[in-house]
């Protein structure tokens, strides 16, 4: 019997190797009970700069390997500009129309990450997501930096569970969402909102 035949027979007699298990998805919920997350926007115009802030981000991000999907919601009524009268104007039907569209929404599906998440190592990515404002949905470019933290005695000072910090920035063209600036407001309200997000999700938070 040839050596080749014996070697082949030996290989065939070995038990089949188990397939490498696929990485399980990790889900992070964004709903900080201490309201420490921030969504800040700025409208820069020739005669005035308007800054707004909300600490009520809600959402969920699922990461599987090098793909991420998620959805964030921000209540319009939670946005504060430091001026109660202006806040009321912001919520009316000419602006964000909180009565008909109470939440601003941003969602993305299978956003490609340059690498899998590793504890303490920021991952930067540029992509696109669906942004909904005043009932209008458009695809907008976004820059995101995500940093994963495995639970430790230090991270527990922030929150229990494994954590995901998401920092993002993007621009929102007002007129594309049906927000019309009157002639009197052109010099006081910028045509584009610059938005910055800093939010923390946890495997232990609940929506």
N, C-alpha and C. Protein backbone atom coordinates (compact mmCIF):
# COMPACT_ATOMS: atom_id res chain seq x y z
N UNK A 1 0.85 -1.18 0.00
CA UNK A 1 0.00 0.00 0.00
C UNK A 1 0.90 1.25 0.00
N UNK A 2 0.61 2.21 -0.87
CA UNK A 2 1.49 3.36 -1.02
C UNK A 2 1.38 4.30 0.18
N UNK A 3 2.49 5.05 0.39
CA UNK A 3 2.50 6.01 1.49
C UNK A 3 1.45 7.11 1.28
N UNK A 4 1.25 7.49 0.01
CA UNK A 4 0.26 8.52 -0.30
C UNK A 4 -1.13 8.07 0.12
N UNK A 5 -1.46 6.81 -0.20
CA UNK A 5 -2.78 6.28 0.15
C UNK A 5 -2.97 6.23 1.66
N UNK A 6 -1.90 5.78 2.38
CA UNK A 6 -1.99 5.71 3.83
C UNK A 6 -2.19 7.09 4.45
N UNK A 7 -1.48 8.12 3.92
CA UNK A 7 -1.61 9.48 4.44
C UNK A 7 -3.02 10.03 4.21
N UNK A 8 -3.58 9.75 3.01
CA UNK A 8 -4.93 10.20 2.70
C UNK A 8 -5.95 9.53 3.61
N UNK A 9 -5.76 8.23 3.84
CA UNK A 9 -6.67 7.50 4.72
C UNK A 9 -6.62 8.06 6.14
N UNK A 10 -5.42 8.43 6.60
CA UNK A 10 -5.28 8.99 7.95
C UNK A 10 -6.00 10.33 8.06
N UNK A 11 -5.88 11.16 7.03
CA UNK A 11 -6.55 12.46 7.05
C UNK A 11 -8.06 12.31 7.08
N UNK A 12 -8.56 11.36 6.28
CA UNK A 12 -10.01 11.16 6.22
C UNK A 12 -10.56 10.62 7.52
N UNK A 13 -9.72 9.96 8.31
CA UNK A 13 -10.18 9.38 9.56
C UNK A 13 -10.22 10.39 10.69
N UNK A 14 -9.61 11.61 10.48
CA UNK A 14 -9.61 12.62 11.53
C UNK A 14 -11.01 13.22 11.67
N UNK A 15 -11.41 13.59 12.89
CA UNK A 15 -12.72 14.24 13.06
C UNK A 15 -12.75 15.58 12.36
N UNK A 16 -13.90 15.95 11.84
CA UNK A 16 -14.05 17.23 11.13
C UNK A 16 -13.80 18.39 12.10
N UNK A 17 -13.05 19.39 11.63
CA UNK A 17 -12.80 20.55 12.46
C UNK A 17 -14.05 21.41 12.55
N UNK A 18 -14.35 21.87 13.73
CA UNK A 18 -15.53 22.72 13.91
C UNK A 18 -15.29 24.07 13.26
N UNK A 19 -16.33 24.63 12.63
CA UNK A 19 -16.21 25.95 12.01
C UNK A 19 -16.01 27.01 13.09
N UNK A 20 -15.20 28.00 12.79
CA UNK A 20 -14.95 29.08 13.73
C UNK A 20 -16.25 29.83 13.97
N UNK A 21 -16.69 29.95 15.23
CA UNK A 21 -17.96 30.62 15.49
C UNK A 21 -17.90 32.10 15.10
N UNK A 22 -18.99 32.58 14.53
CA UNK A 22 -19.05 33.99 14.15
C UNK A 22 -19.14 34.86 15.40
N UNK A 23 -18.58 36.04 15.33
CA UNK A 23 -18.60 36.93 16.49
C UNK A 23 -20.05 37.31 16.82
N UNK A 24 -20.39 37.21 18.09
CA UNK A 24 -21.75 37.54 18.52
C UNK A 24 -21.91 39.06 18.53
N UNK A 25 -23.07 39.55 18.12
CA UNK A 25 -23.28 41.00 18.13
C UNK A 25 -23.30 41.54 19.56
N UNK A 26 -22.81 42.75 19.74
CA UNK A 26 -22.84 43.43 21.03
C UNK A 26 -23.80 44.59 20.92
N UNK A 27 -24.69 44.70 21.89
CA UNK A 27 -25.68 45.77 21.87
C UNK A 27 -25.40 46.75 23.01
N UNK A 28 -25.39 48.04 22.66
CA UNK A 28 -25.17 49.10 23.64
C UNK A 28 -26.38 50.03 23.61
N UNK A 29 -26.96 50.26 24.77
CA UNK A 29 -28.12 51.14 24.88
C UNK A 29 -27.68 52.51 25.40
N UNK A 30 -28.21 53.55 24.77
CA UNK A 30 -27.90 54.93 25.14
C UNK A 30 -29.12 55.53 25.82
N UNK A 31 -29.05 55.65 27.12
CA UNK A 31 -30.16 56.20 27.89
C UNK A 31 -29.66 56.49 29.30
N UNK A 32 -28.67 57.37 29.39
CA UNK A 32 -28.00 57.64 30.65
C UNK A 32 -28.99 58.19 31.68
N UNK A 33 -29.20 57.48 32.80
CA UNK A 33 -30.16 57.97 33.81
C UNK A 33 -29.72 59.27 34.45
N UNK A 34 -28.43 59.62 34.32
CA UNK A 34 -27.93 60.86 34.90
C UNK A 34 -27.86 62.00 33.88
N UNK A 35 -28.35 61.77 32.66
CA UNK A 35 -28.44 62.81 31.62
C UNK A 35 -27.11 63.53 31.40
N UNK A 36 -26.04 62.75 31.20
CA UNK A 36 -24.72 63.36 30.97
C UNK A 36 -24.33 63.40 29.50
N UNK A 37 -25.12 62.75 28.63
CA UNK A 37 -24.83 62.81 27.20
C UNK A 37 -25.15 64.20 26.68
N UNK A 38 -24.48 64.60 25.60
CA UNK A 38 -24.73 65.93 25.05
C UNK A 38 -24.90 65.89 23.54
N UNK A 39 -25.87 66.63 23.05
CA UNK A 39 -26.01 66.94 21.63
C UNK A 39 -26.03 68.46 21.55
N UNK A 40 -25.02 69.03 20.93
CA UNK A 40 -24.88 70.48 20.85
C UNK A 40 -24.96 70.92 19.40
N UNK A 41 -25.66 72.02 19.15
CA UNK A 41 -25.70 72.56 17.79
C UNK A 41 -25.37 74.04 17.81
N UNK A 42 -24.88 74.53 16.69
CA UNK A 42 -24.55 75.94 16.55
C UNK A 42 -25.04 76.44 15.20
N UNK A 43 -25.72 77.57 15.22
CA UNK A 43 -26.14 78.28 14.01
C UNK A 43 -25.36 79.58 13.97
N UNK A 44 -24.45 79.68 13.02
CA UNK A 44 -23.56 80.84 12.94
C UNK A 44 -24.04 81.77 11.83
N UNK A 45 -24.45 82.98 12.19
CA UNK A 45 -24.92 83.97 11.21
C UNK A 45 -24.14 85.27 11.42
N UNK A 46 -24.18 86.18 10.43
CA UNK A 46 -23.40 87.41 10.53
C UNK A 46 -23.65 88.23 11.80
N UNK A 47 -24.90 88.29 12.27
CA UNK A 47 -25.21 89.13 13.42
C UNK A 47 -25.40 88.37 14.73
N UNK A 48 -25.45 87.05 14.67
CA UNK A 48 -25.73 86.31 15.90
C UNK A 48 -25.29 84.85 15.76
N UNK A 49 -24.84 84.30 16.88
CA UNK A 49 -24.53 82.87 16.96
C UNK A 49 -25.49 82.25 17.96
N UNK A 50 -26.24 81.24 17.52
CA UNK A 50 -27.20 80.55 18.39
C UNK A 50 -26.63 79.18 18.74
N UNK A 51 -26.53 78.91 20.04
CA UNK A 51 -26.07 77.61 20.52
C UNK A 51 -27.21 76.89 21.22
N UNK A 52 -27.36 75.62 20.95
CA UNK A 52 -28.39 74.82 21.60
C UNK A 52 -27.79 73.55 22.19
N UNK A 53 -28.48 73.00 23.18
CA UNK A 53 -27.96 71.82 23.86
C UNK A 53 -29.10 70.94 24.35
N UNK A 54 -28.91 69.63 24.25
CA UNK A 54 -29.82 68.66 24.84
C UNK A 54 -29.00 67.57 25.53
N UNK A 55 -29.54 67.06 26.64
CA UNK A 55 -28.88 65.96 27.37
C UNK A 55 -29.75 64.72 27.40
N UNK A 56 -30.70 64.62 26.47
CA UNK A 56 -31.66 63.52 26.51
C UNK A 56 -31.56 62.63 25.26
N UNK A 57 -30.40 62.07 25.03
CA UNK A 57 -30.21 61.17 23.89
C UNK A 57 -30.70 59.77 24.26
N UNK A 58 -31.46 59.17 23.37
CA UNK A 58 -31.88 57.78 23.56
C UNK A 58 -31.52 57.00 22.30
N UNK A 59 -31.08 55.75 22.47
CA UNK A 59 -30.76 54.99 21.27
C UNK A 59 -30.16 53.64 21.57
N UNK A 60 -29.78 52.96 20.50
CA UNK A 60 -29.21 51.62 20.61
C UNK A 60 -28.26 51.40 19.43
N UNK A 61 -27.09 50.87 19.71
CA UNK A 61 -26.12 50.53 18.68
C UNK A 61 -25.75 49.07 18.82
N UNK A 62 -25.78 48.36 17.71
CA UNK A 62 -25.37 46.94 17.69
C UNK A 62 -24.12 46.82 16.82
N UNK A 63 -23.09 46.21 17.39
CA UNK A 63 -21.83 46.02 16.68
C UNK A 63 -21.59 44.54 16.50
N UNK A 64 -21.32 44.15 15.25
CA UNK A 64 -21.00 42.76 14.95
C UNK A 64 -19.78 42.75 14.03
N UNK A 65 -18.64 42.34 14.59
CA UNK A 65 -17.41 42.35 13.81
C UNK A 65 -17.03 43.77 13.43
N UNK A 66 -17.01 44.04 12.14
CA UNK A 66 -16.67 45.39 11.65
C UNK A 66 -17.88 46.09 11.04
N UNK A 67 -19.07 45.74 11.50
CA UNK A 67 -20.30 46.40 11.05
C UNK A 67 -21.06 46.93 12.25
N UNK A 68 -21.64 48.11 12.09
CA UNK A 68 -22.43 48.70 13.17
C UNK A 68 -23.75 49.22 12.63
N UNK A 69 -24.80 49.00 13.39
CA UNK A 69 -26.12 49.53 13.05
C UNK A 69 -26.70 50.18 14.30
N UNK A 70 -27.48 51.23 14.10
CA UNK A 70 -28.03 51.88 15.28
C UNK A 70 -29.08 52.92 14.96
N UNK A 71 -29.68 53.41 16.03
CA UNK A 71 -30.71 54.44 15.90
C UNK A 71 -30.67 55.31 17.15
N UNK A 72 -30.71 56.63 16.95
CA UNK A 72 -30.73 57.58 18.05
C UNK A 72 -31.95 58.48 17.90
N UNK A 73 -32.53 58.86 19.04
CA UNK A 73 -33.66 59.78 19.05
C UNK A 73 -33.39 60.90 20.06
N UNK A 74 -33.83 62.10 19.70
CA UNK A 74 -33.65 63.26 20.54
C UNK A 74 -34.97 64.03 20.60
N UNK A 75 -35.59 64.15 21.76
CA UNK A 75 -36.85 64.91 21.85
C UNK A 75 -36.61 66.40 21.55
N UNK A 76 -37.40 66.95 20.66
CA UNK A 76 -37.27 68.37 20.30
C UNK A 76 -37.44 69.24 21.54
N UNK A 77 -38.36 68.87 22.42
CA UNK A 77 -38.64 69.70 23.60
C UNK A 77 -37.46 69.75 24.57
N UNK A 78 -36.48 68.85 24.40
CA UNK A 78 -35.33 68.83 25.31
C UNK A 78 -34.25 69.83 24.93
N UNK A 79 -34.36 70.45 23.75
CA UNK A 79 -33.32 71.37 23.27
C UNK A 79 -33.48 72.74 23.94
N UNK A 80 -32.40 73.21 24.53
CA UNK A 80 -32.40 74.50 25.21
C UNK A 80 -31.35 75.41 24.57
N UNK A 81 -31.71 76.69 24.41
CA UNK A 81 -30.79 77.65 23.81
C UNK A 81 -30.39 78.76 24.77
N UNK A 82 -30.89 78.70 26.01
CA UNK A 82 -30.59 79.76 26.96
C UNK A 82 -31.57 80.92 26.91
N UNK A 83 -32.62 80.77 26.10
CA UNK A 83 -33.63 81.81 25.96
C UNK A 83 -34.99 81.13 25.82
N UNK A 84 -35.86 81.26 26.83
CA UNK A 84 -37.13 80.53 26.83
C UNK A 84 -38.02 80.90 25.64
N UNK A 85 -38.03 82.18 25.27
CA UNK A 85 -38.85 82.60 24.13
C UNK A 85 -38.35 81.98 22.84
N UNK A 86 -37.04 81.97 22.66
CA UNK A 86 -36.46 81.36 21.47
C UNK A 86 -36.72 79.85 21.45
N UNK A 87 -36.69 79.22 22.62
CA UNK A 87 -36.97 77.78 22.69
C UNK A 87 -38.39 77.48 22.22
N UNK A 88 -39.35 78.35 22.60
CA UNK A 88 -40.72 78.18 22.14
C UNK A 88 -40.81 78.33 20.63
N UNK A 89 -40.11 79.33 20.07
CA UNK A 89 -40.09 79.51 18.61
C UNK A 89 -39.50 78.29 17.93
N UNK A 90 -38.47 77.71 18.54
CA UNK A 90 -37.80 76.54 17.96
C UNK A 90 -38.76 75.36 17.82
N UNK A 91 -39.72 75.28 18.72
CA UNK A 91 -40.64 74.13 18.72
C UNK A 91 -41.87 74.35 17.85
N UNK A 92 -42.07 75.57 17.34
CA UNK A 92 -43.31 75.81 16.59
C UNK A 92 -43.25 75.22 15.18
N UNK A 93 -44.38 75.35 14.45
CA UNK A 93 -44.48 74.67 13.16
C UNK A 93 -43.61 75.28 12.07
N UNK A 94 -43.10 76.49 12.26
CA UNK A 94 -42.20 77.08 11.27
C UNK A 94 -40.78 76.55 11.40
N UNK A 95 -40.47 76.02 12.58
CA UNK A 95 -39.12 75.53 12.82
C UNK A 95 -39.11 74.01 12.97
N UNK A 96 -38.99 73.48 14.16
CA UNK A 96 -38.85 72.02 14.30
C UNK A 96 -40.18 71.28 14.42
N UNK A 97 -41.27 72.00 14.58
CA UNK A 97 -42.62 71.43 14.58
C UNK A 97 -42.74 70.23 15.53
N UNK A 98 -42.50 70.50 16.80
CA UNK A 98 -42.50 69.44 17.81
C UNK A 98 -43.86 68.75 17.94
N UNK A 99 -44.94 69.46 17.64
CA UNK A 99 -46.27 68.86 17.76
C UNK A 99 -46.44 67.69 16.80
N UNK A 100 -45.98 67.84 15.56
CA UNK A 100 -46.11 66.78 14.56
C UNK A 100 -44.92 65.84 14.53
N UNK A 101 -43.74 66.34 14.88
CA UNK A 101 -42.52 65.52 14.84
C UNK A 101 -41.76 65.71 16.15
N UNK A 102 -42.19 65.02 17.20
CA UNK A 102 -41.62 65.26 18.53
C UNK A 102 -40.16 64.86 18.69
N UNK A 103 -39.67 63.97 17.81
CA UNK A 103 -38.29 63.49 17.93
C UNK A 103 -37.48 63.77 16.67
N UNK A 104 -36.22 64.11 16.87
CA UNK A 104 -35.24 64.13 15.79
C UNK A 104 -34.57 62.75 15.80
N UNK A 105 -34.43 62.14 14.62
CA UNK A 105 -33.96 60.75 14.56
C UNK A 105 -32.77 60.63 13.61
N UNK A 106 -31.79 59.85 14.04
CA UNK A 106 -30.66 59.51 13.17
C UNK A 106 -30.45 58.01 13.25
N UNK A 107 -30.38 57.35 12.09
CA UNK A 107 -30.20 55.90 12.07
C UNK A 107 -29.26 55.48 10.95
N UNK A 108 -28.58 54.37 11.17
CA UNK A 108 -27.65 53.85 10.18
C UNK A 108 -27.67 52.33 10.24
N UNK A 109 -27.38 51.71 9.09
CA UNK A 109 -27.40 50.25 8.98
C UNK A 109 -26.11 49.77 8.35
N UNK A 110 -25.47 48.78 8.98
CA UNK A 110 -24.24 48.17 8.47
C UNK A 110 -23.19 49.20 8.10
N UNK A 111 -22.96 50.13 8.99
CA UNK A 111 -21.89 51.10 8.81
C UNK A 111 -20.56 50.36 8.95
N UNK A 112 -19.69 50.49 7.95
CA UNK A 112 -18.44 49.73 7.94
C UNK A 112 -17.40 50.38 8.85
N UNK A 113 -16.89 49.62 9.81
CA UNK A 113 -15.83 50.08 10.69
C UNK A 113 -14.48 49.66 10.11
N UNK A 114 -13.43 50.47 10.27
CA UNK A 114 -12.12 50.10 9.72
C UNK A 114 -11.50 48.90 10.42
N UNK A 115 -11.96 48.60 11.64
CA UNK A 115 -11.45 47.45 12.37
C UNK A 115 -12.45 47.08 13.46
N UNK A 116 -12.30 45.87 14.00
CA UNK A 116 -13.17 45.45 15.09
C UNK A 116 -12.85 46.27 16.34
N UNK A 117 -13.83 46.42 17.22
CA UNK A 117 -13.62 47.20 18.43
C UNK A 117 -12.65 46.50 19.38
N UNK A 118 -11.69 47.26 19.88
CA UNK A 118 -10.77 46.78 20.90
C UNK A 118 -10.81 47.75 22.07
N UNK A 119 -10.76 47.21 23.28
CA UNK A 119 -10.91 48.04 24.47
C UNK A 119 -9.91 49.19 24.49
N UNK A 120 -10.43 50.39 24.66
CA UNK A 120 -9.60 51.57 24.80
C UNK A 120 -9.02 52.14 23.52
N UNK A 121 -9.33 51.55 22.36
CA UNK A 121 -8.78 52.03 21.10
C UNK A 121 -9.87 52.68 20.24
N UNK A 122 -9.80 54.00 20.06
CA UNK A 122 -10.82 54.68 19.25
C UNK A 122 -10.83 54.19 17.81
N UNK A 123 -12.02 54.06 17.27
CA UNK A 123 -12.21 53.70 15.86
C UNK A 123 -12.89 54.88 15.18
N UNK A 124 -12.27 55.42 14.14
CA UNK A 124 -12.83 56.56 13.43
C UNK A 124 -13.41 56.11 12.09
N UNK A 125 -14.56 56.64 11.76
CA UNK A 125 -15.21 56.23 10.51
C UNK A 125 -16.01 57.40 9.94
N UNK A 126 -16.02 57.49 8.62
CA UNK A 126 -16.87 58.43 7.91
C UNK A 126 -17.90 57.62 7.14
N UNK A 127 -19.14 57.99 7.28
CA UNK A 127 -20.19 57.25 6.58
C UNK A 127 -21.41 58.12 6.37
N UNK A 128 -22.54 57.47 6.13
CA UNK A 128 -23.80 58.18 5.92
C UNK A 128 -24.89 57.50 6.72
N UNK A 129 -25.87 58.31 7.11
CA UNK A 129 -27.01 57.78 7.83
C UNK A 129 -28.26 58.53 7.45
N UNK A 130 -29.39 58.03 7.90
CA UNK A 130 -30.69 58.65 7.60
C UNK A 130 -31.08 59.57 8.76
N UNK A 131 -31.25 60.84 8.43
CA UNK A 131 -31.57 61.85 9.42
C UNK A 131 -32.99 62.32 9.18
N UNK A 132 -33.82 62.31 10.24
CA UNK A 132 -35.21 62.73 10.11
C UNK A 132 -35.49 63.92 11.01
N UNK A 133 -35.98 64.99 10.40
CA UNK A 133 -36.27 66.24 11.10
C UNK A 133 -37.52 66.85 10.49
N UNK A 134 -38.48 67.22 11.32
CA UNK A 134 -39.74 67.82 10.84
C UNK A 134 -40.47 66.89 9.87
N UNK A 135 -40.29 65.58 10.02
CA UNK A 135 -40.95 64.63 9.13
C UNK A 135 -40.27 64.43 7.81
N UNK A 136 -39.14 65.11 7.58
CA UNK A 136 -38.36 64.98 6.35
C UNK A 136 -37.16 64.08 6.64
N UNK A 137 -36.93 63.09 5.80
CA UNK A 137 -35.81 62.16 5.98
C UNK A 137 -34.85 62.30 4.81
N UNK A 138 -33.58 62.50 5.13
CA UNK A 138 -32.53 62.62 4.13
C UNK A 138 -31.30 61.84 4.58
N UNK A 139 -30.49 61.46 3.60
CA UNK A 139 -29.22 60.83 3.91
C UNK A 139 -28.17 61.92 4.10
N UNK A 140 -27.45 61.87 5.22
CA UNK A 140 -26.46 62.89 5.52
C UNK A 140 -25.12 62.24 5.87
N UNK A 141 -24.00 62.85 5.46
CA UNK A 141 -22.69 62.33 5.86
C UNK A 141 -22.43 62.61 7.33
N UNK A 142 -21.68 61.72 7.97
CA UNK A 142 -21.38 61.87 9.40
C UNK A 142 -19.98 61.34 9.68
N UNK A 143 -19.29 61.98 10.61
CA UNK A 143 -17.99 61.51 11.08
C UNK A 143 -18.16 61.01 12.51
N UNK A 144 -17.72 59.79 12.77
CA UNK A 144 -17.94 59.16 14.07
C UNK A 144 -16.61 58.63 14.63
N UNK A 145 -16.43 58.83 15.93
CA UNK A 145 -15.35 58.19 16.66
C UNK A 145 -15.98 57.34 17.76
N UNK A 146 -15.76 56.04 17.71
CA UNK A 146 -16.33 55.13 18.70
C UNK A 146 -15.20 54.49 19.52
N UNK A 147 -15.38 54.47 20.83
CA UNK A 147 -14.39 53.86 21.72
C UNK A 147 -15.08 52.89 22.66
N UNK A 148 -14.59 51.66 22.65
CA UNK A 148 -15.16 50.59 23.48
C UNK A 148 -14.38 50.46 24.78
N UNK A 149 -15.10 50.29 25.89
CA UNK A 149 -14.48 50.10 27.20
C UNK A 149 -15.06 48.85 27.86
N UNK A 150 -14.21 47.90 28.16
CA UNK A 150 -14.66 46.73 28.89
C UNK A 150 -14.85 47.10 30.35
N UNK A 151 -15.87 46.56 30.99
CA UNK A 151 -16.19 46.94 32.36
C UNK A 151 -15.00 46.73 33.29
N UNK A 152 -14.74 47.74 34.11
CA UNK A 152 -13.65 47.68 35.09
C UNK A 152 -14.05 48.54 36.28
N UNK A 153 -13.22 48.52 37.31
CA UNK A 153 -13.51 49.36 38.47
C UNK A 153 -13.55 50.83 38.10
N UNK A 154 -12.72 51.22 37.10
CA UNK A 154 -12.70 52.62 36.67
C UNK A 154 -13.96 52.97 35.87
N UNK A 155 -14.35 52.11 34.92
CA UNK A 155 -15.51 52.45 34.09
C UNK A 155 -16.81 52.43 34.89
N UNK A 156 -16.85 51.69 35.99
CA UNK A 156 -18.06 51.65 36.80
C UNK A 156 -18.38 53.01 37.41
N UNK A 157 -17.36 53.88 37.49
CA UNK A 157 -17.61 55.24 37.97
C UNK A 157 -18.50 56.00 36.99
N UNK A 158 -18.45 55.57 35.72
CA UNK A 158 -19.32 56.17 34.70
C UNK A 158 -20.65 55.44 34.66
N UNK A 159 -20.60 54.13 34.50
CA UNK A 159 -21.81 53.31 34.44
C UNK A 159 -21.41 51.85 34.50
N UNK A 160 -22.34 51.01 34.93
CA UNK A 160 -22.10 49.57 34.96
C UNK A 160 -22.15 49.01 33.54
N UNK A 161 -21.49 47.87 33.33
CA UNK A 161 -21.52 47.20 32.04
C UNK A 161 -20.38 47.63 31.14
N UNK A 162 -20.23 46.93 30.01
CA UNK A 162 -19.28 47.38 28.99
C UNK A 162 -19.85 48.64 28.36
N UNK A 163 -18.96 49.57 27.99
CA UNK A 163 -19.41 50.88 27.52
C UNK A 163 -18.94 51.15 26.09
N UNK A 164 -19.71 51.97 25.40
CA UNK A 164 -19.33 52.45 24.07
C UNK A 164 -19.55 53.95 24.04
N UNK A 165 -18.45 54.69 23.86
CA UNK A 165 -18.55 56.14 23.73
C UNK A 165 -18.61 56.50 22.25
N UNK A 166 -19.60 57.26 21.87
CA UNK A 166 -19.77 57.68 20.48
C UNK A 166 -19.69 59.20 20.41
N UNK A 167 -18.74 59.68 19.63
CA UNK A 167 -18.64 61.12 19.34
C UNK A 167 -18.85 61.29 17.84
N UNK A 168 -19.72 62.19 17.49
CA UNK A 168 -20.06 62.38 16.07
C UNK A 168 -20.25 63.84 15.77
N UNK A 169 -20.03 64.19 14.50
CA UNK A 169 -20.31 65.55 14.06
C UNK A 169 -20.85 65.52 12.63
N UNK A 170 -21.79 66.41 12.38
CA UNK A 170 -22.38 66.50 11.04
C UNK A 170 -23.04 67.86 10.89
N UNK A 171 -23.49 68.14 9.68
CA UNK A 171 -24.12 69.41 9.37
C UNK A 171 -25.54 69.17 8.87
N UNK A 172 -26.44 70.06 9.27
CA UNK A 172 -27.84 69.95 8.85
C UNK A 172 -28.23 71.22 8.09
N UNK A 173 -28.46 71.12 6.76
CA UNK A 173 -28.92 72.29 5.99
C UNK A 173 -30.41 72.54 6.27
N UNK A 174 -30.71 73.66 6.87
CA UNK A 174 -32.07 73.93 7.36
C UNK A 174 -33.13 73.88 6.26
N UNK A 175 -32.88 74.54 5.13
CA UNK A 175 -33.91 74.62 4.09
C UNK A 175 -34.24 73.26 3.50
N UNK A 176 -33.26 72.33 3.52
CA UNK A 176 -33.51 70.98 2.99
C UNK A 176 -34.57 70.25 3.82
N UNK A 177 -34.79 70.70 5.05
CA UNK A 177 -35.79 70.08 5.92
C UNK A 177 -37.03 70.96 6.08
N UNK A 178 -37.17 71.92 5.18
CA UNK A 178 -38.37 72.75 5.16
C UNK A 178 -38.37 73.90 6.15
N UNK A 179 -37.20 74.22 6.70
CA UNK A 179 -37.11 75.36 7.61
C UNK A 179 -36.73 76.60 6.79
N UNK A 180 -37.68 77.50 6.64
CA UNK A 180 -37.47 78.69 5.82
C UNK A 180 -37.11 79.88 6.71
N UNK A 181 -35.97 80.47 6.44
CA UNK A 181 -35.59 81.68 7.17
C UNK A 181 -36.19 82.90 6.47
N UNK A 182 -36.92 83.70 7.21
CA UNK A 182 -37.45 84.92 6.62
C UNK A 182 -36.32 85.90 6.36
N UNK A 183 -36.62 86.91 5.55
CA UNK A 183 -35.59 87.91 5.22
C UNK A 183 -35.03 88.56 6.49
N UNK A 184 -35.90 88.74 7.48
CA UNK A 184 -35.46 89.39 8.72
C UNK A 184 -34.52 88.50 9.53
N UNK A 185 -34.55 87.19 9.28
CA UNK A 185 -33.75 86.25 10.07
C UNK A 185 -32.46 85.82 9.39
N UNK A 186 -32.29 86.14 8.12
CA UNK A 186 -31.12 85.68 7.39
C UNK A 186 -29.81 86.11 8.06
N UNK A 187 -29.79 87.33 8.62
CA UNK A 187 -28.58 87.81 9.26
C UNK A 187 -28.41 87.30 10.69
N UNK A 188 -29.47 86.69 11.23
CA UNK A 188 -29.42 86.23 12.62
C UNK A 188 -29.41 84.72 12.78
N UNK A 189 -29.80 84.00 11.73
CA UNK A 189 -29.88 82.54 11.81
C UNK A 189 -29.08 81.93 10.66
N UNK A 190 -28.07 81.14 10.97
CA UNK A 190 -27.27 80.51 9.94
C UNK A 190 -28.06 79.52 9.11
N UNK A 191 -27.62 79.27 7.89
CA UNK A 191 -28.35 78.37 7.00
C UNK A 191 -28.05 76.91 7.29
N UNK A 192 -26.99 76.63 8.06
CA UNK A 192 -26.60 75.25 8.37
C UNK A 192 -26.35 75.11 9.87
N UNK A 193 -26.88 74.05 10.45
CA UNK A 193 -26.63 73.76 11.86
C UNK A 193 -25.44 72.81 11.97
N UNK A 194 -24.45 73.21 12.75
CA UNK A 194 -23.30 72.36 13.04
C UNK A 194 -23.64 71.56 14.30
N UNK A 195 -23.63 70.23 14.19
CA UNK A 195 -24.06 69.39 15.30
C UNK A 195 -22.91 68.52 15.80
N UNK A 196 -22.75 68.46 17.13
CA UNK A 196 -21.76 67.60 17.75
C UNK A 196 -22.42 66.74 18.83
N UNK A 197 -22.09 65.45 18.81
CA UNK A 197 -22.69 64.50 19.74
C UNK A 197 -21.59 63.84 20.57
N UNK A 198 -21.85 63.70 21.87
CA UNK A 198 -20.97 62.93 22.75
C UNK A 198 -21.87 62.11 23.66
N UNK A 199 -21.96 60.81 23.39
CA UNK A 199 -22.91 59.97 24.12
C UNK A 199 -22.27 58.64 24.50
N UNK A 200 -22.71 58.11 25.63
CA UNK A 200 -22.19 56.85 26.16
C UNK A 200 -23.30 55.80 26.22
N UNK A 201 -23.02 54.64 25.63
CA UNK A 201 -23.96 53.52 25.71
C UNK A 201 -23.40 52.45 26.62
N UNK A 202 -24.28 51.65 27.20
CA UNK A 202 -23.87 50.58 28.10
C UNK A 202 -24.63 49.30 27.78
N UNK A 203 -23.98 48.17 28.02
CA UNK A 203 -24.67 46.89 27.87
C UNK A 203 -25.68 46.67 28.98
N UNK A 204 -25.69 47.54 29.99
CA UNK A 204 -26.61 47.40 31.12
C UNK A 204 -27.74 48.41 31.12
N UNK A 205 -27.66 49.45 30.30
CA UNK A 205 -28.76 50.42 30.24
C UNK A 205 -29.99 49.79 29.61
N UNK A 206 -31.15 50.34 29.92
CA UNK A 206 -32.41 49.90 29.33
C UNK A 206 -33.12 51.09 28.71
N UNK A 207 -33.83 50.84 27.61
CA UNK A 207 -34.63 51.89 26.98
C UNK A 207 -36.02 51.93 27.61
